[in-house]
Each structure stands twice: as structure tokens, then as C-alpha cells.
Amino acid sequence: MSELTVYTTSWCPYCHRLAMDLDRAGIEFDDIDIEQTPDAATIVEGFNNGNRTVPTVVFADGTAMTNPSVAQVTAKLGS
């Protein structure tokens, strides 16, 4: 399991962009489609005040970011 879990949907352009940017940066992550994985939407809602906002990135320390840039993810991983 990687340090990051990225909750996505198949139709989200922001999700696709973040995944491509993370791949280019060499950052490993687990990609979970909230429409295909039972209970994933509930996890996302818990971080986003009941909203199913993606991409939601959850870090190993239990913190999360919603629709972050790769720079924000990199900064968080480096801290």
C-alpha cells in the first residue's frame, strides 16, 4: 500500500490530471473509484462535509486534501 490514496471517478477531468501529474512526478498512489468501490464514497463524504468531491487525496497520516495540485501533494509528502 502506498503513502497516498486518491479517490476518483472515471469521468472526472481533475482526477485524470492529478493522476497523470502524480505519475510524472514518480509518486506512487492507490487509485480508488468511488463509483466502483463499496464504501469509498462514504470515506470521501467524511472528508468533504458530506460531499462526494473528487479527487480527494488521503495521506498515510490520515489527513486529506481535496482537488490538490501535485505541488501541494509533494509539499505535504515532504513535510
PDB file of N, CA and C in Angstrom:
ATOM      1  N   MET A   1       0.848  -1.183   0.000  1.00  0.00           N
ATOM      2  CA  MET A   1       0.000   0.000   0.000  1.00  0.00           C
ATOM      3  C   MET A   1       0.892   1.245   0.000  1.00  0.00           C
ATOM      4  N   SER A   2       0.517   2.249  -0.766  1.00  0.00           N
ATOM      5  CA  SER A   2       1.337   3.452  -0.892  1.00  0.00           C
ATOM      6  C   SER A   2       1.004   4.474   0.195  1.00  0.00           C
ATOM      7  N   GLU A   3       1.762   5.560   0.196  1.00  0.00           N
ATOM      8  CA  GLU A   3       1.534   6.639   1.157  1.00  0.00           C
ATOM      9  C   GLU A   3       0.286   7.451   0.836  1.00  0.00           C
ATOM     10  N   LEU A   4      -0.201   7.328  -0.388  1.00  0.00           N
ATOM     11  CA  LEU A   4      -1.349   8.110  -0.839  1.00  0.00           C
ATOM     12  C   LEU A   4      -2.469   7.216  -1.332  1.00  0.00           C
ATOM     13  N   THR A   5      -3.684   7.635  -1.034  1.00  0.00           N
ATOM     14  CA  THR A   5      -4.855   7.056  -1.660  1.00  0.00           C
ATOM     15  C   THR A   5      -5.591   8.203  -2.323  1.00  0.00           C
ATOM     16  N   VAL A   6      -5.864   8.062  -3.617  1.00  0.00           N
ATOM     17  CA  VAL A   6      -6.554   9.091  -4.365  1.00  0.00           C
ATOM     18  C   VAL A   6      -7.928   8.542  -4.744  1.00  0.00           C
ATOM     19  N   TYR A   7      -8.964   9.201  -4.247  1.00  0.00           N
ATOM     20  CA  TYR A   7     -10.343   8.822  -4.551  1.00  0.00           C
ATOM     21  C   TYR A   7     -10.776   9.609  -5.774  1.00  0.00           C
ATOM     22  N   THR A   8     -11.310   8.890  -6.760  1.00  0.00           N
ATOM     23  CA  THR A   8     -11.608   9.465  -8.063  1.00  0.00           C
ATOM     24  C   THR A   8     -12.952   8.959  -8.592  1.00  0.00           C
ATOM     25  N   THR A   9     -13.297   9.445  -9.786  1.00  0.00           N
ATOM     26  CA  THR A   9     -14.332   8.834 -10.619  1.00  0.00           C
ATOM     27  C   THR A   9     -13.754   8.729 -12.027  1.00  0.00           C
ATOM     28  N   SER A  10     -14.344   7.900 -12.843  1.00  0.00           N
ATOM     29  CA  SER A  10     -13.830   7.710 -14.201  1.00  0.00           C
ATOM     30  C   SER A  10     -14.056   8.915 -15.097  1.00  0.00           C
ATOM     31  N   TRP A  11     -15.025   9.736 -14.780  1.00  0.00           N
ATOM     32  CA  TRP A  11     -15.404  10.856 -15.647  1.00  0.00           C
ATOM     33  C   TRP A  11     -14.846  12.207 -15.197  1.00  0.00           C
ATOM     34  N   CYS A  12     -14.062  12.242 -14.139  1.00  0.00           N
ATOM     35  CA  CYS A  12     -13.576  13.496 -13.558  1.00  0.00           C
ATOM     36  C   CYS A  12     -12.278  13.960 -14.218  1.00  0.00           C
ATOM     37  N   PRO A  13     -12.289  15.093 -14.938  1.00  0.00           N
ATOM     38  CA  PRO A  13     -11.057  15.562 -15.578  1.00  0.00           C
ATOM     39  C   PRO A  13      -9.989  15.979 -14.565  1.00  0.00           C
ATOM     40  N   TYR A  14     -10.390  16.483 -13.410  1.00  0.00           N
ATOM     41  CA  TYR A  14      -9.424  16.873 -12.382  1.00  0.00           C
ATOM     42  C   TYR A  14      -8.721  15.640 -11.821  1.00  0.00           C
ATOM     43  N   CYS A  15      -9.458  14.553 -11.721  1.00  0.00           N
ATOM     44  CA  CYS A  15      -8.875  13.294 -11.254  1.00  0.00           C
ATOM     45  C   CYS A  15      -7.833  12.784 -12.243  1.00  0.00           C
ATOM     46  N   HIS A  16      -8.170  12.828 -13.526  1.00  0.00           N
ATOM     47  CA  HIS A  16      -7.245  12.362 -14.557  1.00  0.00           C
ATOM     48  C   HIS A  16      -5.980  13.214 -14.573  1.00  0.00           C
ATOM     49  N   ARG A  17      -6.142  14.524 -14.447  1.00  0.00           N
ATOM     50  CA  ARG A  17      -4.988  15.424 -14.447  1.00  0.00           C
ATOM     51  C   ARG A  17      -4.072  15.138 -13.255  1.00  0.00           C
ATOM     52  N   LEU A  18      -4.665  15.018 -12.059  1.00  0.00           N
ATOM     53  CA  LEU A  18      -3.853  14.754 -10.875  1.00  0.00           C
ATOM     54  C   LEU A  18      -3.129  13.420 -11.001  1.00  0.00           C
ATOM     55  N   ALA A  19      -3.815  12.395 -11.468  1.00  0.00           N
ATOM     56  CA  ALA A  19      -3.182  11.076 -11.630  1.00  0.00           C
ATOM     57  C   ALA A  19      -2.006  11.155 -12.599  1.00  0.00           C
ATOM     58  N   MET A  20      -2.181  11.852 -13.717  1.00  0.00           N
ATOM     59  CA  MET A  20      -1.088  11.995 -14.678  1.00  0.00           C
ATOM     60  C   MET A  20       0.078  12.769 -14.067  1.00  0.00           C
ATOM     61  N   ASP A  21      -0.227  13.836 -13.328  1.00  0.00           N
ATOM     62  CA  ASP A  21       0.828  14.630 -12.692  1.00  0.00           C
ATOM     63  C   ASP A  21       1.573  13.831 -11.631  1.00  0.00           C
ATOM     64  N   LEU A  22       0.850  13.044 -10.850  1.00  0.00           N
ATOM     65  CA  LEU A  22       1.492  12.200  -9.837  1.00  0.00           C
ATOM     66  C   LEU A  22       2.382  11.149 -10.503  1.00  0.00           C
ATOM     67  N   ASP A  23       1.893  10.551 -11.576  1.00  0.00           N
ATOM     68  CA  ASP A  23       2.698   9.568 -12.321  1.00  0.00           C
ATOM     69  C   ASP A  23       3.981  10.209 -12.845  1.00  0.00           C
ATOM     70  N   ARG A  24       3.862  11.393 -13.451  1.00  0.00           N
ATOM     71  CA  ARG A  24       5.030  12.093 -13.993  1.00  0.00           C
ATOM     72  C   ARG A  24       6.038  12.435 -12.902  1.00  0.00           C
ATOM     73  N   ALA A  25       5.526  12.740 -11.703  1.00  0.00           N
ATOM     74  CA  ALA A  25       6.394  13.086 -10.576  1.00  0.00           C
ATOM     75  C   ALA A  25       6.971  11.846  -9.895  1.00  0.00           C
ATOM     76  N   GLY A  26       6.539  10.670 -10.327  1.00  0.00           N
ATOM     77  CA  GLY A  26       7.044   9.436  -9.737  1.00  0.00           C
ATOM     78  C   GLY A  26       6.477   9.143  -8.359  1.00  0.00           C
ATOM     79  N   ILE A  27       5.302   9.699  -8.082  1.00  0.00           N
ATOM     80  CA  ILE A  27       4.665   9.499  -6.779  1.00  0.00           C
ATOM     81  C   ILE A  27       3.679   8.346  -6.891  1.00  0.00           C
ATOM     82  N   GLU A  28       3.907   7.308  -6.113  1.00  0.00           N
ATOM     83  CA  GLU A  28       3.008   6.156  -6.129  1.00  0.00           C
ATOM     84  C   GLU A  28       1.752   6.460  -5.335  1.00  0.00           C
ATOM     85  N   PHE A  29       0.634   5.928  -5.809  1.00  0.00           N
ATOM     86  CA  PHE A  29      -0.629   6.136  -5.120  1.00  0.00           C
ATOM     87  C   PHE A  29      -1.592   5.008  -5.463  1.00  0.00           C
ATOM     88  N   ASP A  30      -2.530   4.803  -4.561  1.00  0.00           N
ATOM     89  CA  ASP A  30      -3.620   3.871  -4.812  1.00  0.00           C
ATOM     90  C   ASP A  30      -4.799   4.684  -5.329  1.00  0.00           C
ATOM     91  N   ASP A  31      -5.335   4.293  -6.463  1.00  0.00           N
ATOM     92  CA  ASP A  31      -6.456   4.992  -7.095  1.00  0.00           C
ATOM     93  C   ASP A  31      -7.731   4.205  -6.815  1.00  0.00           C
ATOM     94  N   ILE A  32      -8.691   4.849  -6.152  1.00  0.00           N
ATOM     95  CA  ILE A  32      -9.948   4.179  -5.821  1.00  0.00           C
ATOM     96  C   ILE A  32     -11.100   4.957  -6.434  1.00  0.00           C
ATOM     97  N   ASP A  33     -11.829   4.321  -7.338  1.00  0.00           N
ATOM     98  CA  ASP A  33     -13.001   4.916  -7.972  1.00  0.00           C
ATOM     99  C   ASP A  33     -14.179   4.789  -7.008  1.00  0.00           C
ATOM    100  N   ILE A  34     -14.731   5.925  -6.586  1.00  0.00           N
ATOM    101  CA  ILE A  34     -15.809   5.896  -5.585  1.00  0.00           C
ATOM    102  C   ILE A  34     -17.106   5.322  -6.131  1.00  0.00           C
ATOM    103  N   GLU A  35     -17.204   5.200  -7.454  1.00  0.00           N
ATOM    104  CA  GLU A  35     -18.406   4.604  -8.040  1.00  0.00           C
ATOM    105  C   GLU A  35     -18.274   3.092  -8.196  1.00  0.00           C
ATOM    106  N   GLN A  36     -17.061   2.571  -8.056  1.00  0.00           N
ATOM    107  CA  GLN A  36     -16.818   1.144  -8.234  1.00  0.00           C
ATOM    108  C   GLN A  36     -16.473   0.409  -6.946  1.00  0.00           C
ATOM    109  N   THR A  37     -16.127   1.151  -5.905  1.00  0.00           N
ATOM    110  CA  THR A  37     -15.658   0.540  -4.662  1.00  0.00           C
ATOM    111  C   THR A  37     -16.660   0.808  -3.537  1.00  0.00           C
ATOM    112  N   PRO A  38     -17.242  -0.241  -2.995  1.00  0.00           N
ATOM    113  CA  PRO A  38     -18.194  -0.052  -1.897  1.00  0.00           C
ATOM    114  C   PRO A  38     -17.554   0.730  -0.743  1.00  0.00           C
ATOM    115  N   ASP A  39     -18.298   1.628  -0.189  1.00  0.00           N
ATOM    116  CA  ASP A  39     -17.909   2.439   0.971  1.00  0.00           C
ATOM    117  C   ASP A  39     -16.918   3.559   0.669  1.00  0.00           C
ATOM    118  N   ALA A  40     -16.339   3.613  -0.521  1.00  0.00           N
ATOM    119  CA  ALA A  40     -15.377   4.675  -0.830  1.00  0.00           C
ATOM    120  C   ALA A  40     -16.047   6.045  -0.838  1.00  0.00           C
ATOM    121  N   ALA A  41     -17.260   6.128  -1.351  1.00  0.00           N
ATOM    122  CA  ALA A  41     -17.968   7.414  -1.374  1.00  0.00           C
ATOM    123  C   ALA A  41     -18.194   7.928   0.045  1.00  0.00           C
ATOM    124  N   THR A  42     -18.467   7.036   0.961  1.00  0.00           N
ATOM    125  CA  THR A  42     -18.668   7.431   2.361  1.00  0.00           C
ATOM    126  C   THR A  42     -17.387   8.010   2.950  1.00  0.00           C
ATOM    127  N   ILE A  43     -16.250   7.441   2.601  1.00  0.00           N
ATOM    128  CA  ILE A  43     -14.965   7.964   3.069  1.00  0.00           C
ATOM    129  C   ILE A  43     -14.756   9.374   2.542  1.00  0.00           C
ATOM    130  N   VAL A  44     -15.004   9.572   1.258  1.00  0.00           N
ATOM    131  CA  VAL A  44     -14.856  10.894   0.646  1.00  0.00           C
ATOM    132  C   VAL A  44     -15.815  11.900   1.289  1.00  0.00           C
ATOM    133  N   GLU A  45     -17.044  11.495   1.505  1.00  0.00           N
ATOM    134  CA  GLU A  45     -18.022  12.378   2.151  1.00  0.00           C
ATOM    135  C   GLU A  45     -17.548  12.788   3.546  1.00  0.00           C
ATOM    136  N   GLY A  46     -16.903  11.882   4.253  1.00  0.00           N
ATOM    137  CA  GLY A  46     -16.407  12.179   5.592  1.00  0.00           C
ATOM    138  C   GLY A  46     -15.342  13.270   5.604  1.00  0.00           C
ATOM    139  N   PHE A  47     -14.554  13.349   4.555  1.00  0.00           N
ATOM    140  CA  PHE A  47     -13.520  14.384   4.462  1.00  0.00           C
ATOM    141  C   PHE A  47     -14.036  15.686   3.867  1.00  0.00           C
ATOM    142  N   ASN A  48     -15.218  15.656   3.238  1.00  0.00           N
ATOM    143  CA  ASN A  48     -15.699  16.809   2.478  1.00  0.00           C
ATOM    144  C   ASN A  48     -17.089  17.278   2.909  1.00  0.00           C
ATOM    145  N   ASN A  49     -17.332  17.246   4.202  1.00  0.00           N
ATOM    146  CA  ASN A  49     -18.596  17.766   4.746  1.00  0.00           C
ATOM    147  C   ASN A  49     -19.825  17.183   4.047  1.00  0.00           C
ATOM    148  N   GLY A  50     -19.787  15.887   3.772  1.00  0.00           N
ATOM    149  CA  GLY A  50     -20.919  15.210   3.169  1.00  0.00           C
ATOM    150  C   GLY A  50     -20.950  15.236   1.649  1.00  0.00           C
ATOM    151  N   ASN A  51     -19.978  15.900   1.027  1.00  0.00           N
ATOM    152  CA  ASN A  51     -19.933  15.998  -0.435  1.00  0.00           C
ATOM    153  C   ASN A  51     -19.037  14.922  -1.029  1.00  0.00           C
ATOM    154  N   ARG A  52     -19.388  14.483  -2.217  1.00  0.00           N
ATOM    155  CA  ARG A  52     -18.577  13.478  -2.938  1.00  0.00           C
ATOM    156  C   ARG A  52     -17.627  14.194  -3.892  1.00  0.00           C
ATOM    157  N   THR A  53     -16.765  15.016  -3.351  1.00  0.00           N
ATOM    158  CA  THR A  53     -15.854  15.814  -4.151  1.00  0.00           C
ATOM    159  C   THR A  53     -14.573  15.029  -4.421  1.00  0.00           C
ATOM    160  N   VAL A  54     -14.244  14.911  -5.701  1.00  0.00           N
ATOM    161  CA  VAL A  54     -13.034  14.209  -6.114  1.00  0.00           C
ATOM    162  C   VAL A  54     -12.231  15.116  -7.035  1.00  0.00           C
ATOM    163  N   PRO A  55     -10.928  14.945  -7.102  1.00  0.00           N
ATOM    164  CA  PRO A  55     -10.163  13.970  -6.354  1.00  0.00           C
ATOM    165  C   PRO A  55      -9.995  14.366  -4.887  1.00  0.00           C
ATOM    166  N   THR A  56     -10.093  13.390  -4.035  1.00  0.00           N
ATOM    167  CA  THR A  56      -9.764  13.549  -2.623  1.00  0.00           C
ATOM    168  C   THR A  56      -8.559  12.665  -2.360  1.00  0.00           C
ATOM    169  N   VAL A  57      -7.497  13.277  -1.846  1.00  0.00           N
ATOM    170  CA  VAL A  57      -6.248  12.582  -1.581  1.00  0.00           C
ATOM    171  C   VAL A  57      -6.129  12.371  -0.076  1.00  0.00           C
ATOM    172  N   VAL A  58      -5.943  11.124   0.332  1.00  0.00           N
ATOM    173  CA  VAL A  58      -5.782  10.803   1.745  1.00  0.00           C
ATOM    174  C   VAL A  58      -4.352  10.305   1.942  1.00  0.00           C
ATOM    175  N   PHE A  59      -3.675  10.918   2.910  1.00  0.00           N
ATOM    176  CA  PHE A  59      -2.285  10.607   3.214  1.00  0.00           C
ATOM    177  C   PHE A  59      -2.204   9.531   4.299  1.00  0.00           C
ATOM    178  N   ALA A  60      -1.033   8.927   4.429  1.00  0.00           N
ATOM    179  CA  ALA A  60      -0.819   7.856   5.407  1.00  0.00           C
ATOM    180  C   ALA A  60      -1.086   8.317   6.830  1.00  0.00           C
ATOM    181  N   ASP A  61      -0.924   9.623   7.101  1.00  0.00           N
ATOM    182  CA  ASP A  61      -1.155  10.137   8.454  1.00  0.00           C
ATOM    183  C   ASP A  61      -2.630  10.408   8.748  1.00  0.00           C
ATOM    184  N   GLY A  62      -3.518  10.107   7.769  1.00  0.00           N
ATOM    185  CA  GLY A  62      -4.950  10.274   7.973  1.00  0.00           C
ATOM    186  C   GLY A  62      -5.499  11.618   7.567  1.00  0.00           C
ATOM    187  N   THR A  63      -4.623  12.537   7.135  1.00  0.00           N
ATOM    188  CA  THR A  63      -5.099  13.835   6.659  1.00  0.00           C
ATOM    189  C   THR A  63      -5.489  13.729   5.195  1.00  0.00           C
ATOM    190  N   ALA A  64      -6.237  14.732   4.724  1.00  0.00           N
ATOM    191  CA  ALA A  64      -6.716  14.690   3.345  1.00  0.00           C
ATOM    192  C   ALA A  64      -6.658  16.068   2.715  1.00  0.00           C
ATOM    193  N   MET A  65      -6.601  16.070   1.384  1.00  0.00           N
ATOM    194  CA  MET A  65      -6.707  17.283   0.575  1.00  0.00           C
ATOM    195  C   MET A  65      -7.724  17.014  -0.520  1.00  0.00           C
ATOM    196  N   THR A  66      -8.501  18.030  -0.838  1.00  0.00           N
ATOM    197  CA  THR A  66      -9.489  17.909  -1.904  1.00  0.00           C
ATOM    198  C   THR A  66      -9.039  18.728  -3.101  1.00  0.00           C
ATOM    199  N   ASN A  67      -8.964  18.062  -4.239  1.00  0.00           N
ATOM    200  CA  ASN A  67      -8.552  18.659  -5.514  1.00  0.00           C
ATOM    201  C   ASN A  67      -7.225  19.417  -5.391  1.00  0.00           C
ATOM    202  N   PRO A  68      -6.203  18.782  -4.830  1.00  0.00           N
ATOM    203  CA  PRO A  68      -4.918  19.466  -4.691  1.00  0.00           C
ATOM    204  C   PRO A  68      -4.129  19.442  -5.994  1.00  0.00           C
ATOM    205  N   SER A  69      -3.158  20.315  -6.079  1.00  0.00           N
ATOM    206  CA  SER A  69      -2.197  20.257  -7.174  1.00  0.00           C
ATOM    207  C   SER A  69      -1.118  19.249  -6.792  1.00  0.00           C
ATOM    208  N   VAL A  70      -0.337  18.831  -7.782  1.00  0.00           N
ATOM    209  CA  VAL A  70       0.766  17.917  -7.485  1.00  0.00           C
ATOM    210  C   VAL A  70       1.778  18.620  -6.585  1.00  0.00           C
ATOM    211  N   ALA A  71       1.930  19.929  -6.711  1.00  0.00           N
ATOM    212  CA  ALA A  71       2.848  20.679  -5.847  1.00  0.00           C
ATOM    213  C   ALA A  71       2.394  20.620  -4.393  1.00  0.00           C
ATOM    214  N   GLN A  72       1.087  20.713  -4.161  1.00  0.00           N
ATOM    215  CA  GLN A  72       0.571  20.627  -2.795  1.00  0.00           C
ATOM    216  C   GLN A  72       0.801  19.234  -2.216  1.00  0.00           C
ATOM    217  N   VAL A  73       0.581  18.217  -3.022  1.00  0.00           N
ATOM    218  CA  VAL A  73       0.809  16.837  -2.579  1.00  0.00           C
ATOM    219  C   VAL A  73       2.285  16.621  -2.265  1.00  0.00           C
ATOM    220  N   THR A  74       3.152  17.075  -3.150  1.00  0.00           N
ATOM    221  CA  THR A  74       4.586  16.934  -2.955  1.00  0.00           C
ATOM    222  C   THR A  74       5.044  17.640  -1.690  1.00  0.00           C
ATOM    223  N   ALA A  75       4.527  18.849  -1.465  1.00  0.00           N
ATOM    224  CA  ALA A  75       4.892  19.607  -0.261  1.00  0.00           C
ATOM    225  C   ALA A  75       4.462  18.865   0.990  1.00  0.00           C
ATOM    226  N   LYS A  76       3.255  18.306   0.972  1.00  0.00           N
ATOM    227  CA  LYS A  76       2.756  17.566   2.132  1.00  0.00           C
ATOM    228  C   LYS A  76       3.593  16.317   2.381  1.00  0.00           C
ATOM    229  N   LEU A  77       3.954  15.619   1.320  1.00  0.00           N
ATOM    230  CA  LEU A  77       4.776  14.413   1.465  1.00  0.00           C
ATOM    231  C   LEU A  77       6.161  14.747   1.984  1.00  0.00           C
ATOM    232  N   GLY A  78       6.664  15.932   1.658  1.00  0.00           N
ATOM    233  CA  GLY A  78       7.987  16.335   2.092  1.00  0.00           C
ATOM    234  C   GLY A  78       8.045  16.861   3.503  1.00  0.00           C
ATOM    235  N   SER A  79       6.887  17.137   4.080  1.00  0.00           N
ATOM    236  CA  SER A  79       6.868  17.723   5.440  1.00  0.00           C
ATOM    237  C   SER A  79       6.937  16.665   6.511  1.00  0.00           C
TER     238      SER A  79
END
